[in-house]
C-alpha cells in the first residue's frame, strides 16, 4: 500500500511514517492549517503585536514611566491587551503578554515587565 502526500497527493518514497513528499509540501500544508482563520483574528493579533512592540520599546529597563500621549503617538491601542492583574494593593495592571502598564496620575503610565 503506497502512501500519498497530504499536500499534493504525490506518491511518497521513503520512511514508512512519512506524510509529505518534500519540505515544501510540509510547510505549505502546515501554513494552511495554522493560518488565522479570519481577517478579524489576524487584525486582533496584529494590534496585540503592535502594542507589545510599543511597550517593549518604551520599557527597556523592565520598569519605567511614560505618558498617554506618547503611547498614542506611537499607535498604541488601549482596547487590546491579553490579561488584567489586580494586585492586593488595589492597583490594576493591563498586560500584553509579559509587558504591562497601569494608569498613574496626570496621564502618566507605569510600564512593567513580568519576570518569567
PDB file of N, CA and C in Angstrom:
ATOM      1  N   UNK A   1       0.838  -1.179   0.000  1.00  0.00           N
ATOM      2  CA  UNK A   1       0.000   0.000   0.000  1.00  0.00           C
ATOM      3  C   UNK A   1       0.883   1.242   0.000  1.00  0.00           C
ATOM      4  N   UNK A   2       0.784   2.041  -1.058  1.00  0.00           N
ATOM      5  CA  UNK A   2       1.624   3.234  -1.138  1.00  0.00           C
ATOM      6  C   UNK A   2       0.894   4.430  -0.524  1.00  0.00           C
ATOM      7  N   UNK A   3       1.679   5.277   0.111  1.00  0.00           N
ATOM      8  CA  UNK A   3       1.117   6.459   0.756  1.00  0.00           C
ATOM      9  C   UNK A   3       1.265   7.653  -0.177  1.00  0.00           C
ATOM     10  N   UNK A   4       0.365   8.634   0.003  1.00  0.00           N
ATOM     11  CA  UNK A   4       0.434   9.842  -0.812  1.00  0.00           C
ATOM     12  C   UNK A   4       0.606  11.057   0.101  1.00  0.00           C
ATOM     13  N   UNK A   5       1.226  12.087  -0.441  1.00  0.00           N
ATOM     14  CA  UNK A   5       1.487  13.340   0.264  1.00  0.00           C
ATOM     15  C   UNK A   5       0.163  13.996   0.656  1.00  0.00           C
ATOM     16  N   UNK A   6       0.088  14.448   1.915  1.00  0.00           N
ATOM     17  CA  UNK A   6      -1.127  15.115   2.397  1.00  0.00           C
ATOM     18  C   UNK A   6      -1.380  16.447   1.688  1.00  0.00           C
ATOM     19  N   UNK A   7      -0.350  17.038   1.119  1.00  0.00           N
ATOM     20  CA  UNK A   7      -0.496  18.342   0.460  1.00  0.00           C
ATOM     21  C   UNK A   7      -0.797  18.207  -1.027  1.00  0.00           C
ATOM     22  N   UNK A   8       0.040  17.502  -1.748  1.00  0.00           N
ATOM     23  CA  UNK A   8      -0.095  17.495  -3.211  1.00  0.00           C
ATOM     24  C   UNK A   8      -0.648  16.195  -3.786  1.00  0.00           C
ATOM     25  N   UNK A   9      -0.687  15.127  -2.978  1.00  0.00           N
ATOM     26  CA  UNK A   9      -1.225  13.853  -3.455  1.00  0.00           C
ATOM     27  C   UNK A   9      -0.235  12.977  -4.201  1.00  0.00           C
ATOM     28  N   UNK A  10       1.018  13.416  -4.322  1.00  0.00           N
ATOM     29  CA  UNK A  10       2.053  12.608  -4.988  1.00  0.00           C
ATOM     30  C   UNK A  10       2.423  11.417  -4.114  1.00  0.00           C
ATOM     31  N   UNK A  11       2.938  10.383  -4.755  1.00  0.00           N
ATOM     32  CA  UNK A  11       3.371   9.189  -4.040  1.00  0.00           C
ATOM     33  C   UNK A  11       4.577   9.536  -3.163  1.00  0.00           C
ATOM     34  N   UNK A  12       4.574   8.999  -1.943  1.00  0.00           N
ATOM     35  CA  UNK A  12       5.668   9.248  -1.001  1.00  0.00           C
ATOM     36  C   UNK A  12       6.652   8.093  -1.070  1.00  0.00           C
ATOM     37  N   UNK A  13       7.935   8.466  -1.192  1.00  0.00           N
ATOM     38  CA  UNK A  13       9.005   7.480  -1.185  1.00  0.00           C
ATOM     39  C   UNK A  13       9.835   7.728   0.062  1.00  0.00           C
ATOM     40  N   UNK A  14      10.166   6.653   0.791  1.00  0.00           N
ATOM     41  CA  UNK A  14      10.999   6.817   1.975  1.00  0.00           C
ATOM     42  C   UNK A  14      10.402   6.143   3.187  1.00  0.00           C
ATOM     43  N   UNK A  15      10.636   6.759   4.338  1.00  0.00           N
ATOM     44  CA  UNK A  15      10.204   6.185   5.606  1.00  0.00           C
ATOM     45  C   UNK A  15       8.714   5.856   5.607  1.00  0.00           C
ATOM     46  N   UNK A  16       8.380   4.847   6.362  1.00  0.00           N
ATOM     47  CA  UNK A  16       7.001   4.373   6.456  1.00  0.00           C
ATOM     48  C   UNK A  16       6.054   5.409   7.072  1.00  0.00           C
ATOM     49  N   UNK A  17       6.570   6.222   8.018  1.00  0.00           N
ATOM     50  CA  UNK A  17       5.712   7.184   8.718  1.00  0.00           C
ATOM     51  C   UNK A  17       5.710   8.578   8.080  1.00  0.00           C
ATOM     52  N   UNK A  18       6.336   8.704   6.928  1.00  0.00           N
ATOM     53  CA  UNK A  18       6.414   9.992   6.236  1.00  0.00           C
ATOM     54  C   UNK A  18       5.024  10.423   5.748  1.00  0.00           C
ATOM     55  N   UNK A  19       4.706  11.721   5.868  1.00  0.00           N
ATOM     56  CA  UNK A  19       3.392  12.217   5.464  1.00  0.00           C
ATOM     57  C   UNK A  19       3.443  13.147   4.260  1.00  0.00           C
ATOM     58  N   UNK A  20       4.635  13.655   3.946  1.00  0.00           N
ATOM     59  CA  UNK A  20       4.788  14.626   2.861  1.00  0.00           C
ATOM     60  C   UNK A  20       5.925  14.211   1.949  1.00  0.00           C
ATOM     61  N   UNK A  21       5.815  14.615   0.690  1.00  0.00           N
ATOM     62  CA  UNK A  21       6.851  14.237  -0.274  1.00  0.00           C
ATOM     63  C   UNK A  21       8.066  15.156  -0.200  1.00  0.00           C
ATOM     64  N   UNK A  22       7.904  16.356   0.388  1.00  0.00           N
ATOM     65  CA  UNK A  22       9.017  17.306   0.462  1.00  0.00           C
ATOM     66  C   UNK A  22       8.805  18.288   1.600  1.00  0.00           C
ATOM     67  N   UNK A  23       9.867  19.021   1.925  1.00  0.00           N
ATOM     68  CA  UNK A  23       9.758  20.068   2.939  1.00  0.00           C
ATOM     69  C   UNK A  23       8.801  21.161   2.472  1.00  0.00           C
ATOM     70  N   UNK A  24       8.805  21.456   1.193  1.00  0.00           N
ATOM     71  CA  UNK A  24       7.908  22.472   0.645  1.00  0.00           C
ATOM     72  C   UNK A  24       6.450  22.112   0.877  1.00  0.00           C
ATOM     73  N   UNK A  25       6.095  20.863   0.615  1.00  0.00           N
ATOM     74  CA  UNK A  25       4.718  20.420   0.843  1.00  0.00           C
ATOM     75  C   UNK A  25       4.369  20.420   2.339  1.00  0.00           C
ATOM     76  N   UNK A  26       5.315  20.004   3.168  1.00  0.00           N
ATOM     77  CA  UNK A  26       5.076  20.012   4.611  1.00  0.00           C
ATOM     78  C   UNK A  26       4.819  21.430   5.094  1.00  0.00           C
ATOM     79  N   UNK A  27       5.640  22.386   4.645  1.00  0.00           N
ATOM     80  CA  UNK A  27       5.460  23.786   5.037  1.00  0.00           C
ATOM     81  C   UNK A  27       4.142  24.356   4.519  1.00  0.00           C
ATOM     82  N   UNK A  28       3.821  24.082   3.271  1.00  0.00           N
ATOM     83  CA  UNK A  28       2.577  24.592   2.691  1.00  0.00           C
ATOM     84  C   UNK A  28       1.365  24.050   3.451  1.00  0.00           C
ATOM     85  N   UNK A  29       1.382  22.763   3.761  1.00  0.00           N
ATOM     86  CA  UNK A  29       0.280  22.130   4.486  1.00  0.00           C
ATOM     87  C   UNK A  29       0.120  22.761   5.870  1.00  0.00           C
ATOM     88  N   UNK A  30       1.222  22.876   6.609  1.00  0.00           N
ATOM     89  CA  UNK A  30       1.159  23.439   7.961  1.00  0.00           C
ATOM     90  C   UNK A  30       0.785  24.915   7.951  1.00  0.00           C
ATOM     91  N   UNK A  31       1.226  25.665   6.945  1.00  0.00           N
ATOM     92  CA  UNK A  31       0.834  27.072   6.849  1.00  0.00           C
ATOM     93  C   UNK A  31      -0.670  27.202   6.633  1.00  0.00           C
ATOM     94  N   UNK A  32      -1.237  26.320   5.830  1.00  0.00           N
ATOM     95  CA  UNK A  32      -2.685  26.350   5.603  1.00  0.00           C
ATOM     96  C   UNK A  32      -3.446  26.005   6.885  1.00  0.00           C
ATOM     97  N   UNK A  33      -2.973  24.989   7.593  1.00  0.00           N
ATOM     98  CA  UNK A  33      -3.643  24.546   8.821  1.00  0.00           C
ATOM     99  C   UNK A  33      -3.559  25.610   9.913  1.00  0.00           C
ATOM    100  N   UNK A  34      -2.416  26.281  10.028  1.00  0.00           N
ATOM    101  CA  UNK A  34      -2.172  27.184  11.146  1.00  0.00           C
ATOM    102  C   UNK A  34      -2.461  28.651  10.866  1.00  0.00           C
ATOM    103  N   UNK A  35      -2.890  28.986   9.667  1.00  0.00           N
ATOM    104  CA  UNK A  35      -3.129  30.406   9.373  1.00  0.00           C
ATOM    105  C   UNK A  35      -4.326  30.900  10.184  1.00  0.00           C
ATOM    106  N   UNK A  36      -4.356  32.210  10.422  1.00  0.00           N
ATOM    107  CA  UNK A  36      -5.506  32.792  11.106  1.00  0.00           C
ATOM    108  C   UNK A  36      -6.727  32.543  10.238  1.00  0.00           C
ATOM    109  N   UNK A  37      -7.787  32.060  10.844  1.00  0.00           N
ATOM    110  CA  UNK A  37      -8.936  31.623  10.061  1.00  0.00           C
ATOM    111  C   UNK A  37      -9.768  32.779   9.514  1.00  0.00           C
ATOM    112  N   UNK A  38      -9.655  33.945  10.088  1.00  0.00           N
ATOM    113  CA  UNK A  38     -10.436  35.068   9.587  1.00  0.00           C
ATOM    114  C   UNK A  38      -9.604  36.341   9.636  1.00  0.00           C
ATOM    115  N   UNK A  39     -10.024  37.325   8.874  1.00  0.00           N
ATOM    116  CA  UNK A  39      -9.360  38.630   8.932  1.00  0.00           C
ATOM    117  C   UNK A  39      -9.501  39.251  10.313  1.00  0.00           C
ATOM    118  N   UNK A  40     -10.623  38.999  10.973  1.00  0.00           N
ATOM    119  CA  UNK A  40     -10.851  39.540  12.311  1.00  0.00           C
ATOM    120  C   UNK A  40      -9.756  39.080  13.276  1.00  0.00           C
ATOM    121  N   UNK A  41      -9.472  37.780  13.285  1.00  0.00           N
ATOM    122  CA  UNK A  41      -8.411  37.252  14.159  1.00  0.00           C
ATOM    123  C   UNK A  41      -7.054  37.828  13.778  1.00  0.00           C
ATOM    124  N   UNK A  42      -6.782  37.911  12.500  1.00  0.00           N
ATOM    125  CA  UNK A  42      -5.496  38.429  12.035  1.00  0.00           C
ATOM    126  C   UNK A  42      -5.324  39.881  12.475  1.00  0.00           C
ATOM    127  N   UNK A  43      -6.400  40.679  12.363  1.00  0.00           N
ATOM    128  CA  UNK A  43      -6.318  42.085  12.765  1.00  0.00           C
ATOM    129  C   UNK A  43      -6.083  42.237  14.264  1.00  0.00           C
ATOM    130  N   UNK A  44      -6.742  41.421  15.070  1.00  0.00           N
ATOM    131  CA  UNK A  44      -6.523  41.474  16.524  1.00  0.00           C
ATOM    132  C   UNK A  44      -5.086  41.082  16.856  1.00  0.00           C
ATOM    133  N   UNK A  45      -4.606  40.015  16.251  1.00  0.00           N
ATOM    134  CA  UNK A  45      -3.226  39.587  16.513  1.00  0.00           C
ATOM    135  C   UNK A  45      -2.231  40.661  16.102  1.00  0.00           C
ATOM    136  N   UNK A  46      -2.487  41.353  14.997  1.00  0.00           N
ATOM    137  CA  UNK A  46      -1.602  42.441  14.565  1.00  0.00           C
ATOM    138  C   UNK A  46      -1.617  43.588  15.568  1.00  0.00           C
ATOM    139  N   UNK A  47      -2.792  43.932  16.115  1.00  0.00           N
ATOM    140  CA  UNK A  47      -2.870  45.009  17.106  1.00  0.00           C
ATOM    141  C   UNK A  47      -2.152  44.626  18.392  1.00  0.00           C
ATOM    142  N   UNK A  48      -2.297  43.372  18.825  1.00  0.00           N
ATOM    143  CA  UNK A  48      -1.580  42.917  20.016  1.00  0.00           C
ATOM    144  C   UNK A  48      -0.070  42.965  19.796  1.00  0.00           C
ATOM    145  N   UNK A  49       0.387  42.524  18.612  1.00  0.00           N
ATOM    146  CA  UNK A  49       1.825  42.577  18.308  1.00  0.00           C
ATOM    147  C   UNK A  49       2.331  44.016  18.326  1.00  0.00           C
ATOM    148  N   UNK A  50       1.552  44.930  17.734  1.00  0.00           N
ATOM    149  CA  UNK A  50       1.962  46.338  17.706  1.00  0.00           C
ATOM    150  C   UNK A  50       2.024  46.907  19.123  1.00  0.00           C
ATOM    151  N   UNK A  51       0.996  46.657  19.941  1.00  0.00           N
ATOM    152  CA  UNK A  51       1.016  47.119  21.329  1.00  0.00           C
ATOM    153  C   UNK A  51       2.218  46.560  22.078  1.00  0.00           C
ATOM    154  N   UNK A  52       2.526  45.274  21.850  1.00  0.00           N
ATOM    155  CA  UNK A  52       3.657  44.645  22.523  1.00  0.00           C
ATOM    156  C   UNK A  52       4.973  45.328  22.131  1.00  0.00           C
ATOM    157  N   UNK A  53       5.142  45.591  20.833  1.00  0.00           N
ATOM    158  CA  UNK A  53       6.368  46.254  20.368  1.00  0.00           C
ATOM    159  C   UNK A  53       6.513  47.642  20.992  1.00  0.00           C
ATOM    160  N   UNK A  54       5.411  48.387  21.051  1.00  0.00           N
ATOM    161  CA  UNK A  54       5.457  49.734  21.628  1.00  0.00           C
ATOM    162  C   UNK A  54       5.851  49.673  23.097  1.00  0.00           C
ATOM    163  N   UNK A  55       5.211  48.803  23.871  1.00  0.00           N
ATOM    164  CA  UNK A  55       5.558  48.677  25.288  1.00  0.00           C
ATOM    165  C   UNK A  55       7.005  48.236  25.467  1.00  0.00           C
ATOM    166  N   UNK A  56       7.450  47.289  24.670  1.00  0.00           N
ATOM    167  CA  UNK A  56       8.836  46.797  24.767  1.00  0.00           C
ATOM    168  C   UNK A  56       9.838  47.897  24.453  1.00  0.00           C
ATOM    169  N   UNK A  57       9.552  48.692  23.423  1.00  0.00           N
ATOM    170  CA  UNK A  57      10.468  49.772  23.042  1.00  0.00           C
ATOM    171  C   UNK A  57      10.556  50.861  24.100  1.00  0.00           C
ATOM    172  N   UNK A  58       9.445  51.102  24.805  1.00  0.00           N
ATOM    173  CA  UNK A  58       9.428  52.156  25.825  1.00  0.00           C
ATOM    174  C   UNK A  58       9.860  51.665  27.197  1.00  0.00           C
ATOM    175  N   UNK A  59       9.991  50.363  27.364  1.00  0.00           N
ATOM    176  CA  UNK A  59      10.288  49.793  28.685  1.00  0.00           C
ATOM    177  C   UNK A  59      11.518  48.895  28.618  1.00  0.00           C
ATOM    178  N   UNK A  60      12.639  49.478  28.296  1.00  0.00           N
ATOM    179  CA  UNK A  60      13.872  48.702  28.128  1.00  0.00           C
ATOM    180  C   UNK A  60      14.444  48.197  29.444  1.00  0.00           C
ATOM    181  N   UNK A  61      14.145  48.881  30.546  1.00  0.00           N
ATOM    182  CA  UNK A  61      14.720  48.523  31.844  1.00  0.00           C
ATOM    183  C   UNK A  61      13.853  47.558  32.651  1.00  0.00           C
ATOM    184  N   UNK A  62      12.651  47.261  32.183  1.00  0.00           N
ATOM    185  CA  UNK A  62      11.760  46.386  32.935  1.00  0.00           C
ATOM    186  C   UNK A  62      10.775  47.128  33.811  1.00  0.00           C
ATOM    187  N   UNK A  63      11.028  48.430  34.040  1.00  0.00           N
ATOM    188  CA  UNK A  63      10.110  49.279  34.787  1.00  0.00           C
ATOM    189  C   UNK A  63      10.416  50.722  34.397  1.00  0.00           C
ATOM    190  N   UNK A  64       9.391  51.428  33.930  1.00  0.00           N
ATOM    191  CA  UNK A  64       9.600  52.816  33.512  1.00  0.00           C
ATOM    192  C   UNK A  64       8.268  53.556  33.508  1.00  0.00           C
ATOM    193  N   UNK A  65       8.316  54.853  33.184  1.00  0.00           N
ATOM    194  CA  UNK A  65       7.119  55.676  33.080  1.00  0.00           C
ATOM    195  C   UNK A  65       7.048  56.271  31.688  1.00  0.00           C
ATOM    196  N   UNK A  66       5.817  56.528  31.254  1.00  0.00           N
ATOM    197  CA  UNK A  66       5.601  57.229  30.001  1.00  0.00           C
ATOM    198  C   UNK A  66       4.266  57.952  30.099  1.00  0.00           C
ATOM    199  N   UNK A  67       3.929  58.674  29.054  1.00  0.00           N
ATOM    200  CA  UNK A  67       2.665  59.404  29.042  1.00  0.00           C
ATOM    201  C   UNK A  67       1.686  58.756  28.069  1.00  0.00           C
ATOM    202  N   UNK A  68       0.416  59.040  28.291  1.00  0.00           N
ATOM    203  CA  UNK A  68      -0.620  58.535  27.395  1.00  0.00           C
ATOM    204  C   UNK A  68      -0.414  59.080  25.987  1.00  0.00           C
ATOM    205  N   UNK A  69      -0.038  60.353  25.881  1.00  0.00           N
ATOM    206  CA  UNK A  69       0.148  60.951  24.555  1.00  0.00           C
ATOM    207  C   UNK A  69       1.301  60.287  23.798  1.00  0.00           C
ATOM    208  N   UNK A  70       2.345  59.879  24.508  1.00  0.00           N
ATOM    209  CA  UNK A  70       3.460  59.197  23.843  1.00  0.00           C
ATOM    210  C   UNK A  70       3.015  57.822  23.340  1.00  0.00           C
ATOM    211  N   UNK A  71       2.257  57.097  24.163  1.00  0.00           N
ATOM    212  CA  UNK A  71       1.736  55.799  23.733  1.00  0.00           C
ATOM    213  C   UNK A  71       0.835  55.953  22.503  1.00  0.00           C
ATOM    214  N   UNK A  72      -0.076  56.915  22.562  1.00  0.00           N
ATOM    215  CA  UNK A  72      -0.998  57.136  21.447  1.00  0.00           C
ATOM    216  C   UNK A  72      -0.271  57.582  20.185  1.00  0.00           C
ATOM    217  N   UNK A  73       0.760  58.406  20.333  1.00  0.00           N
ATOM    218  CA  UNK A  73       1.502  58.896  19.155  1.00  0.00           C
ATOM    219  C   UNK A  73       2.221  57.763  18.434  1.00  0.00           C
ATOM    220  N   UNK A  74       2.537  56.703  19.157  1.00  0.00           N
ATOM    221  CA  UNK A  74       3.191  55.540  18.542  1.00  0.00           C
ATOM    222  C   UNK A  74       2.172  54.540  17.992  1.00  0.00           C
ATOM    223  N   UNK A  75       0.870  54.805  18.225  1.00  0.00           N
ATOM    224  CA  UNK A  75      -0.167  53.937  17.695  1.00  0.00           C
ATOM    225  C   UNK A  75      -0.701  52.912  18.676  1.00  0.00           C
ATOM    226  N   UNK A  76      -0.416  53.088  19.958  1.00  0.00           N
ATOM    227  CA  UNK A  76      -0.893  52.149  20.967  1.00  0.00           C
ATOM    228  C   UNK A  76      -2.415  52.182  21.029  1.00  0.00           C
ATOM    229  N   UNK A  77      -3.039  51.011  21.134  1.00  0.00           N
ATOM    230  CA  UNK A  77      -4.494  50.902  21.215  1.00  0.00           C
ATOM    231  C   UNK A  77      -4.855  50.300  22.569  1.00  0.00           C
ATOM    232  N   UNK A  78      -5.426  51.113  23.455  1.00  0.00           N
ATOM    233  CA  UNK A  78      -5.728  50.689  24.819  1.00  0.00           C
ATOM    234  C   UNK A  78      -6.829  49.628  24.892  1.00  0.00           C
ATOM    235  N   UNK A  79      -7.513  49.374  23.796  1.00  0.00           N
ATOM    236  CA  UNK A  79      -8.574  48.364  23.783  1.00  0.00           C
ATOM    237  C   UNK A  79      -8.044  46.939  23.628  1.00  0.00           C
ATOM    238  N   UNK A  80      -6.742  46.782  23.344  1.00  0.00           N
ATOM    239  CA  UNK A  80      -6.203  45.459  23.055  1.00  0.00           C
ATOM    240  C   UNK A  80      -5.102  45.088  24.025  1.00  0.00           C
ATOM    241  N   UNK A  81      -5.391  44.083  24.861  1.00  0.00           N
ATOM    242  CA  UNK A  81      -4.446  43.556  25.842  1.00  0.00           C
ATOM    243  C   UNK A  81      -4.804  42.095  26.057  1.00  0.00           C
ATOM    244  N   UNK A  82      -3.910  41.341  26.693  1.00  0.00           N
ATOM    245  CA  UNK A  82      -4.140  39.902  26.844  1.00  0.00           C
ATOM    246  C   UNK A  82      -4.682  39.516  28.209  1.00  0.00           C
ATOM    247  N   UNK A  83      -4.368  40.276  29.253  1.00  0.00           N
ATOM    248  CA  UNK A  83      -4.905  39.950  30.575  1.00  0.00           C
ATOM    249  C   UNK A  83      -4.814  41.143  31.520  1.00  0.00           C
ATOM    250  N   UNK A  84      -5.546  41.054  32.621  1.00  0.00           N
ATOM    251  CA  UNK A  84      -5.583  42.099  33.647  1.00  0.00           C
ATOM    252  C   UNK A  84      -5.122  41.485  34.961  1.00  0.00           C
ATOM    253  N   UNK A  85      -4.297  42.230  35.687  1.00  0.00           N
ATOM    254  CA  UNK A  85      -3.832  41.791  37.001  1.00  0.00           C
ATOM    255  C   UNK A  85      -4.270  42.823  38.031  1.00  0.00           C
ATOM    256  N   UNK A  86      -5.062  42.396  38.992  1.00  0.00           N
ATOM    257  CA  UNK A  86      -5.448  43.248  40.124  1.00  0.00           C
ATOM    258  C   UNK A  86      -4.587  42.846  41.311  1.00  0.00           C
ATOM    259  N   UNK A  87      -3.814  43.793  41.819  1.00  0.00           N
ATOM    260  CA  UNK A  87      -2.904  43.491  42.923  1.00  0.00           C
ATOM    261  C   UNK A  87      -3.624  43.597  44.257  1.00  0.00           C
ATOM    262  N   UNK A  88      -2.999  43.086  45.284  1.00  0.00           N
ATOM    263  CA  UNK A  88      -3.548  43.157  46.631  1.00  0.00           C
ATOM    264  C   UNK A  88      -3.642  44.586  47.143  1.00  0.00           C
ATOM    265  N   UNK A  89      -2.846  45.488  46.575  1.00  0.00           N
ATOM    266  CA  UNK A  89      -2.873  46.894  46.995  1.00  0.00           C
ATOM    267  C   UNK A  89      -3.905  47.703  46.221  1.00  0.00           C
ATOM    268  N   UNK A  90      -4.672  47.043  45.345  1.00  0.00           N
ATOM    269  CA  UNK A  90      -5.733  47.728  44.620  1.00  0.00           C
ATOM    270  C   UNK A  90      -5.333  48.310  43.278  1.00  0.00           C
ATOM    271  N   UNK A  91      -4.124  48.039  42.830  1.00  0.00           N
ATOM    272  CA  UNK A  91      -3.690  48.527  41.526  1.00  0.00           C
ATOM    273  C   UNK A  91      -4.131  47.556  40.426  1.00  0.00           C
ATOM    274  N   UNK A  92      -4.459  48.100  39.270  1.00  0.00           N
ATOM    275  CA  UNK A  92      -4.855  47.289  38.124  1.00  0.00           C
ATOM    276  C   UNK A  92      -3.832  47.464  37.009  1.00  0.00           C
ATOM    277  N   UNK A  93      -3.228  46.360  36.616  1.00  0.00           N
ATOM    278  CA  UNK A  93      -2.270  46.346  35.511  1.00  0.00           C
ATOM    279  C   UNK A  93      -2.907  45.657  34.315  1.00  0.00           C
ATOM    280  N   UNK A  94      -2.684  46.214  33.142  1.00  0.00           N
ATOM    281  CA  UNK A  94      -3.121  45.610  31.887  1.00  0.00           C
ATOM    282  C   UNK A  94      -1.874  45.080  31.192  1.00  0.00           C
ATOM    283  N   UNK A  95      -1.930  43.831  30.757  1.00  0.00           N
ATOM    284  CA  UNK A  95      -0.767  43.207  30.149  1.00  0.00           C
ATOM    285  C   UNK A  95      -1.015  42.842  28.692  1.00  0.00           C
ATOM    286  N   UNK A  96       0.037  42.983  27.910  1.00  0.00           N
ATOM    287  CA  UNK A  96       0.113  42.418  26.576  1.00  0.00           C
ATOM    288  C   UNK A  96       1.243  41.396  26.684  1.00  0.00           C
ATOM    289  N   UNK A  97       0.860  40.152  26.905  1.00  0.00           N
ATOM    290  CA  UNK A  97       1.777  39.067  27.221  1.00  0.00           C
ATOM    291  C   UNK A  97       2.543  39.415  28.492  1.00  0.00           C
ATOM    292  N   UNK A  98       3.854  39.653  28.432  1.00  0.00           N
ATOM    293  CA  UNK A  98       4.599  39.946  29.660  1.00  0.00           C
ATOM    294  C   UNK A  98       4.882  41.435  29.856  1.00  0.00           C
ATOM    295  N   UNK A  99       4.422  42.280  28.949  1.00  0.00           N
ATOM    296  CA  UNK A  99       4.596  43.731  29.068  1.00  0.00           C
ATOM    297  C   UNK A  99       3.308  44.328  29.613  1.00  0.00           C
ATOM    298  N   UNK A 100       3.417  45.062  30.730  1.00  0.00           N
ATOM    299  CA  UNK A 100       2.228  45.599  31.364  1.00  0.00           C
ATOM    300  C   UNK A 100       2.295  47.092  31.583  1.00  0.00           C
ATOM    301  N   UNK A 101       1.128  47.662  31.885  1.00  0.00           N
ATOM    302  CA  UNK A 101       1.039  49.091  32.184  1.00  0.00           C
ATOM    303  C   UNK A 101      -0.102  49.327  33.155  1.00  0.00           C
ATOM    304  N   UNK A 102       0.025  50.426  33.910  1.00  0.00           N
ATOM    305  CA  UNK A 102      -1.072  50.846  34.766  1.00  0.00           C
ATOM    306  C   UNK A 102      -1.110  52.360  34.795  1.00  0.00           C
ATOM    307  N   UNK A 103      -2.314  52.894  34.906  1.00  0.00           N
ATOM    308  CA  UNK A 103      -2.506  54.342  34.953  1.00  0.00           C
ATOM    309  C   UNK A 103      -2.015  54.880  36.285  1.00  0.00           C
ATOM    310  N   UNK A 104      -1.293  55.994  36.229  1.00  0.00           N
ATOM    311  CA  UNK A 104      -0.861  56.681  37.446  1.00  0.00           C
ATOM    312  C   UNK A 104      -1.739  57.921  37.613  1.00  0.00           C
ATOM    313  N   UNK A 105      -1.171  59.094  37.552  1.00  0.00           N
ATOM    314  CA  UNK A 105      -1.920  60.349  37.607  1.00  0.00           C
ATOM    315  C   UNK A 105      -1.476  61.243  36.462  1.00  0.00           C
ATOM    316  N   UNK A 106      -2.308  62.210  36.120  1.00  0.00           N
ATOM    317  CA  UNK A 106      -1.948  63.222  35.111  1.00  0.00           C
ATOM    318  C   UNK A 106      -1.511  62.613  33.784  1.00  0.00           C
ATOM    319  N   UNK A 107      -2.212  61.611  33.333  1.00  0.00           N
ATOM    320  CA  UNK A 107      -1.938  60.940  32.049  1.00  0.00           C
ATOM    321  C   UNK A 107      -0.597  60.210  32.007  1.00  0.00           C
ATOM    322  N   UNK A 108      -0.015  59.898  33.147  1.00  0.00           N
ATOM    323  CA  UNK A 108       1.204  59.095  33.184  1.00  0.00           C
ATOM    324  C   UNK A 108       0.852  57.623  33.362  1.00  0.00           C
ATOM    325  N   UNK A 109       1.689  56.773  32.814  1.00  0.00           N
ATOM    326  CA  UNK A 109       1.539  55.324  32.939  1.00  0.00           C
ATOM    327  C   UNK A 109       2.840  54.715  33.414  1.00  0.00           C
ATOM    328  N   UNK A 110       2.728  53.740  34.302  1.00  0.00           N
ATOM    329  CA  UNK A 110       3.879  52.955  34.698  1.00  0.00           C
ATOM    330  C   UNK A 110       3.926  51.729  33.795  1.00  0.00           C
ATOM    331  N   UNK A 111       5.100  51.451  33.250  1.00  0.00           N
ATOM    332  CA  UNK A 111       5.311  50.271  32.425  1.00  0.00           C
ATOM    333  C   UNK A 111       6.114  49.258  33.208  1.00  0.00           C
ATOM    334  N   UNK A 112       5.719  48.000  33.149  1.00  0.00           N
ATOM    335  CA  UNK A 112       6.414  46.934  33.866  1.00  0.00           C
ATOM    336  C   UNK A 112       6.560  45.721  32.954  1.00  0.00           C
ATOM    337  N   UNK A 113       7.490  44.864  33.316  1.00  0.00           N
ATOM    338  CA  UNK A 113       7.648  43.595  32.608  1.00  0.00           C
ATOM    339  C   UNK A 113       7.608  42.464  33.621  1.00  0.00           C
ATOM    340  N   UNK A 114       6.764  41.454  33.345  1.00  0.00           N
ATOM    341  CA  UNK A 114       6.706  40.290  34.222  1.00  0.00           C
ATOM    342  C   UNK A 114       7.988  39.490  34.064  1.00  0.00           C
ATOM    343  N   UNK A 115       8.477  39.001  35.179  1.00  0.00           N
ATOM    344  CA  UNK A 115       9.626  38.094  35.128  1.00  0.00           C
ATOM    345  C   UNK A 115       9.112  36.687  34.905  1.00  0.00           C
ATOM    346  N   UNK A 116       9.807  35.942  34.076  1.00  0.00           N
ATOM    347  CA  UNK A 116       9.374  34.554  33.761  1.00  0.00           C
ATOM    348  C   UNK A 116       9.902  33.605  34.804  1.00  0.00           C
TER     349      UNK A 116
END
